């Protein structure tokens, strides 16, 4: 699947839950989604809190949560995530590439 297809699937789910409605108790604002993204990323750390290994299925679930919130934050803020990733990789190659 492409990032667009994943974003569309995420939006379909959020809409089906009613979370994009104005009267939703779970306001889908960029601020709220950014907070949720950070919280889910911290949950990834829990899987490594007391060791070097994580249970793959449990880790996959947390990583999926992070990805879903990331896709939604990009969607809500109008960020072209594919382009942002490619731009950042180019910056990283310039900063840390093999010629450095």
N, C-alpha and C. Protein backbone atom coordinates (compact mmCIF):
# COMPACT_ATOMS: atom_id res chain seq x y z
N UNK A 1 0.84 -1.19 0.00
CA UNK A 1 0.00 0.00 0.00
C UNK A 1 0.88 1.25 0.00
N UNK A 2 0.35 2.28 -0.59
CA UNK A 2 1.06 3.56 -0.59
C UNK A 2 0.68 4.35 0.67
N UNK A 3 1.43 5.41 0.93
CA UNK A 3 1.07 6.26 2.06
C UNK A 3 -0.32 6.86 1.88
N UNK A 4 -0.67 7.21 0.64
CA UNK A 4 -2.01 7.75 0.38
C UNK A 4 -3.08 6.72 0.69
N UNK A 5 -2.87 5.49 0.28
CA UNK A 5 -3.85 4.44 0.56
C UNK A 5 -3.98 4.19 2.07
N UNK A 6 -2.85 4.20 2.77
CA UNK A 6 -2.89 4.04 4.22
C UNK A 6 -3.59 5.22 4.88
N UNK A 7 -3.31 6.43 4.39
CA UNK A 7 -3.98 7.62 4.93
C UNK A 7 -5.48 7.55 4.68
N UNK A 8 -5.87 7.13 3.49
CA UNK A 8 -7.30 6.99 3.18
C UNK A 8 -7.95 5.95 4.10
N UNK A 9 -7.27 4.84 4.34
CA UNK A 9 -7.82 3.80 5.22
C UNK A 9 -7.95 4.34 6.65
N UNK A 10 -6.94 5.09 7.09
CA UNK A 10 -7.00 5.70 8.43
C UNK A 10 -8.17 6.66 8.51
N UNK A 11 -8.34 7.52 7.49
CA UNK A 11 -9.44 8.49 7.50
C UNK A 11 -10.80 7.80 7.46
N UNK A 12 -10.91 6.71 6.73
CA UNK A 12 -12.16 5.95 6.69
C UNK A 12 -12.50 5.43 8.08
N UNK A 13 -11.51 4.91 8.79
CA UNK A 13 -11.73 4.41 10.15
C UNK A 13 -12.14 5.55 11.09
N UNK A 14 -11.39 6.65 11.07
CA UNK A 14 -11.69 7.77 11.97
C UNK A 14 -13.09 8.31 11.70
N UNK A 15 -13.46 8.43 10.43
CA UNK A 15 -14.80 8.90 10.08
C UNK A 15 -15.86 7.91 10.54
N UNK A 16 -15.59 6.62 10.37
CA UNK A 16 -16.56 5.59 10.78
C UNK A 16 -16.79 5.62 12.29
N UNK A 17 -15.77 5.97 13.05
CA UNK A 17 -15.90 6.07 14.51
C UNK A 17 -16.60 7.36 14.93
N UNK A 18 -16.79 8.28 13.97
CA UNK A 18 -17.43 9.55 14.28
C UNK A 18 -16.50 10.58 14.87
N UNK A 19 -15.21 10.33 14.82
CA UNK A 19 -14.25 11.22 15.48
C UNK A 19 -13.98 12.49 14.70
N UNK A 20 -14.41 12.57 13.43
CA UNK A 20 -14.28 13.82 12.68
C UNK A 20 -15.51 14.70 12.84
N UNK A 21 -16.54 14.20 13.51
CA UNK A 21 -17.74 15.02 13.72
C UNK A 21 -17.44 16.15 14.70
N UNK A 22 -18.14 17.27 14.51
CA UNK A 22 -17.94 18.43 15.38
C UNK A 22 -18.28 18.13 16.84
N UNK A 23 -19.21 17.20 17.08
CA UNK A 23 -19.62 16.89 18.45
C UNK A 23 -18.86 15.71 19.05
N UNK A 24 -17.78 15.29 18.43
CA UNK A 24 -17.01 14.16 18.94
C UNK A 24 -16.31 14.54 20.24
N UNK A 25 -16.31 13.63 21.22
CA UNK A 25 -15.54 13.89 22.44
C UNK A 25 -14.03 13.73 22.21
N UNK A 26 -13.66 13.19 21.07
CA UNK A 26 -12.26 12.98 20.72
C UNK A 26 -11.90 13.90 19.56
N UNK A 27 -11.67 15.17 19.86
CA UNK A 27 -11.39 16.18 18.84
C UNK A 27 -10.10 15.82 18.11
N UNK A 28 -10.19 15.74 16.80
CA UNK A 28 -9.04 15.32 15.98
C UNK A 28 -8.26 16.53 15.49
N UNK A 29 -7.78 17.34 16.42
CA UNK A 29 -7.00 18.53 16.07
C UNK A 29 -5.53 18.14 15.95
N UNK A 30 -4.75 18.93 15.21
CA UNK A 30 -3.33 18.63 15.12
C UNK A 30 -2.66 18.52 16.50
N UNK A 31 -3.03 19.41 17.42
CA UNK A 31 -2.45 19.37 18.76
C UNK A 31 -2.77 18.04 19.45
N UNK A 32 -4.02 17.63 19.41
CA UNK A 32 -4.41 16.40 20.09
C UNK A 32 -3.77 15.17 19.45
N UNK A 33 -3.67 15.19 18.13
CA UNK A 33 -3.05 14.06 17.44
C UNK A 33 -1.54 14.03 17.71
N UNK A 34 -0.91 15.19 17.79
CA UNK A 34 0.53 15.23 18.11
C UNK A 34 0.78 14.67 19.51
N UNK A 35 -0.10 15.00 20.45
CA UNK A 35 0.04 14.46 21.80
C UNK A 35 -0.13 12.94 21.76
N UNK A 36 -1.13 12.47 21.05
CA UNK A 36 -1.38 11.03 20.95
C UNK A 36 -0.20 10.32 20.29
N UNK A 37 0.38 10.94 19.28
CA UNK A 37 1.55 10.37 18.61
C UNK A 37 2.70 10.21 19.59
N UNK A 38 2.94 11.23 20.39
CA UNK A 38 4.01 11.16 21.38
C UNK A 38 3.75 10.08 22.42
N UNK A 39 2.52 9.99 22.88
CA UNK A 39 2.17 8.97 23.87
C UNK A 39 2.35 7.57 23.31
N UNK A 40 1.93 7.36 22.07
CA UNK A 40 2.09 6.03 21.46
C UNK A 40 3.56 5.70 21.24
N UNK A 41 4.37 6.70 20.87
CA UNK A 41 5.80 6.46 20.70
C UNK A 41 6.43 6.04 22.03
N UNK A 42 5.96 6.65 23.12
CA UNK A 42 6.47 6.25 24.44
C UNK A 42 6.07 4.81 24.76
N UNK A 43 4.90 4.39 24.29
CA UNK A 43 4.48 3.00 24.52
C UNK A 43 5.39 2.01 23.80
N UNK A 44 6.00 2.43 22.70
CA UNK A 44 6.98 1.58 22.02
C UNK A 44 8.14 1.31 22.97
N UNK A 45 8.56 2.33 23.69
CA UNK A 45 9.67 2.18 24.63
C UNK A 45 9.37 1.18 25.73
N UNK A 46 8.12 1.09 26.13
CA UNK A 46 7.77 0.14 27.19
C UNK A 46 8.18 -1.28 26.84
N UNK A 47 8.18 -1.61 25.58
CA UNK A 47 8.50 -2.97 25.15
C UNK A 47 9.99 -3.28 25.31
N UNK A 48 10.78 -2.23 25.50
CA UNK A 48 12.22 -2.42 25.68
C UNK A 48 12.70 -1.97 27.06
N UNK A 49 11.74 -1.68 27.95
CA UNK A 49 12.08 -1.11 29.25
C UNK A 49 13.01 -2.01 30.06
N UNK A 50 12.82 -3.32 30.03
CA UNK A 50 13.59 -4.21 30.87
C UNK A 50 14.38 -5.25 30.07
N UNK A 51 14.60 -4.97 28.79
CA UNK A 51 15.38 -5.92 28.01
C UNK A 51 15.60 -5.43 26.60
N UNK A 52 16.38 -6.18 25.88
CA UNK A 52 16.74 -5.82 24.52
C UNK A 52 15.75 -6.35 23.49
N UNK A 53 14.89 -7.24 23.88
CA UNK A 53 13.95 -7.88 22.95
C UNK A 53 12.52 -7.46 23.27
N UNK A 54 11.70 -7.41 22.24
CA UNK A 54 10.28 -7.12 22.39
C UNK A 54 9.49 -8.25 21.75
N UNK A 55 8.29 -8.46 22.25
CA UNK A 55 7.41 -9.45 21.64
C UNK A 55 6.97 -8.87 20.29
N UNK A 56 7.32 -9.52 19.18
CA UNK A 56 7.07 -8.93 17.86
C UNK A 56 5.63 -8.48 17.61
N UNK A 57 4.65 -9.28 17.98
CA UNK A 57 3.25 -8.90 17.71
C UNK A 57 2.84 -7.68 18.52
N UNK A 58 3.27 -7.61 19.76
CA UNK A 58 2.94 -6.46 20.61
C UNK A 58 3.64 -5.20 20.11
N UNK A 59 4.89 -5.34 19.72
CA UNK A 59 5.64 -4.21 19.17
C UNK A 59 5.00 -3.73 17.87
N UNK A 60 4.61 -4.65 17.02
CA UNK A 60 3.97 -4.29 15.74
C UNK A 60 2.71 -3.47 15.97
N UNK A 61 1.93 -3.84 16.99
CA UNK A 61 0.70 -3.11 17.30
C UNK A 61 1.01 -1.67 17.70
N UNK A 62 2.03 -1.48 18.52
CA UNK A 62 2.40 -0.12 18.94
C UNK A 62 2.96 0.68 17.76
N UNK A 63 3.78 0.04 16.95
CA UNK A 63 4.32 0.74 15.78
C UNK A 63 3.21 1.15 14.82
N UNK A 64 2.20 0.31 14.68
CA UNK A 64 1.05 0.66 13.84
C UNK A 64 0.31 1.86 14.41
N UNK A 65 0.14 1.92 15.73
CA UNK A 65 -0.49 3.08 16.35
C UNK A 65 0.29 4.36 16.04
N UNK A 66 1.62 4.29 16.17
CA UNK A 66 2.47 5.45 15.86
C UNK A 66 2.28 5.86 14.40
N UNK A 67 2.31 4.89 13.51
CA UNK A 67 2.17 5.19 12.08
C UNK A 67 0.82 5.82 11.77
N UNK A 68 -0.24 5.30 12.38
CA UNK A 68 -1.57 5.86 12.13
C UNK A 68 -1.67 7.30 12.59
N UNK A 69 -1.17 7.59 13.78
CA UNK A 69 -1.20 8.98 14.25
C UNK A 69 -0.30 9.87 13.39
N UNK A 70 0.83 9.37 12.93
CA UNK A 70 1.71 10.14 12.05
C UNK A 70 1.00 10.47 10.74
N UNK A 71 0.36 9.46 10.15
CA UNK A 71 -0.38 9.70 8.91
C UNK A 71 -1.48 10.73 9.12
N UNK A 72 -2.18 10.63 10.25
CA UNK A 72 -3.28 11.56 10.50
C UNK A 72 -2.75 12.97 10.74
N UNK A 73 -1.66 13.10 11.47
CA UNK A 73 -1.09 14.43 11.71
C UNK A 73 -0.65 15.07 10.40
N UNK A 74 -0.01 14.30 9.54
CA UNK A 74 0.39 14.83 8.23
C UNK A 74 -0.84 15.25 7.44
N UNK A 75 -1.88 14.44 7.45
CA UNK A 75 -3.12 14.75 6.74
C UNK A 75 -3.75 16.04 7.27
N UNK A 76 -3.87 16.14 8.59
CA UNK A 76 -4.54 17.30 9.19
C UNK A 76 -3.77 18.60 8.98
N UNK A 77 -2.46 18.51 8.84
CA UNK A 77 -1.64 19.71 8.69
C UNK A 77 -1.25 19.99 7.24
N UNK A 78 -1.68 19.13 6.33
CA UNK A 78 -1.38 19.34 4.91
C UNK A 78 0.04 19.03 4.52
N UNK A 79 0.74 18.24 5.33
CA UNK A 79 2.11 17.86 5.01
C UNK A 79 2.10 16.68 4.05
N UNK A 80 2.84 16.82 2.95
CA UNK A 80 3.03 15.71 2.02
C UNK A 80 4.12 14.84 2.63
N UNK A 81 3.71 13.80 3.33
CA UNK A 81 4.64 12.99 4.09
C UNK A 81 5.66 12.29 3.19
N UNK A 82 5.24 11.82 2.03
CA UNK A 82 6.19 11.18 1.11
C UNK A 82 7.30 12.17 0.74
N UNK A 83 6.93 13.40 0.38
CA UNK A 83 7.92 14.40 -0.01
C UNK A 83 8.78 14.80 1.18
N UNK A 84 8.15 14.95 2.35
CA UNK A 84 8.91 15.32 3.55
C UNK A 84 9.96 14.26 3.89
N UNK A 85 9.61 13.01 3.73
CA UNK A 85 10.56 11.92 3.99
C UNK A 85 11.71 11.97 3.00
N UNK A 86 11.40 12.15 1.73
CA UNK A 86 12.46 12.22 0.73
C UNK A 86 13.36 13.43 0.95
N UNK A 87 12.76 14.57 1.30
CA UNK A 87 13.55 15.77 1.58
C UNK A 87 14.47 15.54 2.78
N UNK A 88 13.95 14.91 3.82
CA UNK A 88 14.75 14.68 5.02
C UNK A 88 15.87 13.68 4.75
N UNK A 89 15.60 12.66 3.94
CA UNK A 89 16.67 11.73 3.58
C UNK A 89 17.79 12.46 2.83
N UNK A 90 17.43 13.37 1.94
CA UNK A 90 18.44 14.14 1.21
C UNK A 90 19.28 14.97 2.18
N UNK A 91 18.64 15.61 3.15
CA UNK A 91 19.37 16.38 4.16
C UNK A 91 20.29 15.46 4.95
N UNK A 92 19.79 14.30 5.35
CA UNK A 92 20.60 13.37 6.13
C UNK A 92 21.80 12.85 5.34
N UNK A 93 21.62 12.61 4.04
CA UNK A 93 22.75 12.18 3.21
C UNK A 93 23.82 13.27 3.18
N UNK A 94 23.38 14.52 3.08
CA UNK A 94 24.35 15.62 3.06
C UNK A 94 25.07 15.74 4.40
N UNK A 95 24.34 15.53 5.49
CA UNK A 95 24.93 15.68 6.82
C UNK A 95 25.76 14.48 7.26
N UNK A 96 25.30 13.29 6.94
CA UNK A 96 25.91 12.08 7.51
C UNK A 96 26.38 11.09 6.46
N UNK A 97 26.32 11.44 5.20
CA UNK A 97 26.63 10.52 4.12
C UNK A 97 28.03 9.92 4.21
N UNK A 98 28.29 8.95 3.35
CA UNK A 98 29.56 8.23 3.42
C UNK A 98 30.78 9.12 3.19
N UNK A 99 30.59 10.30 2.58
CA UNK A 99 31.72 11.20 2.32
C UNK A 99 32.03 12.09 3.51
N UNK A 100 31.30 11.95 4.58
CA UNK A 100 31.52 12.82 5.76
C UNK A 100 32.51 12.23 6.70
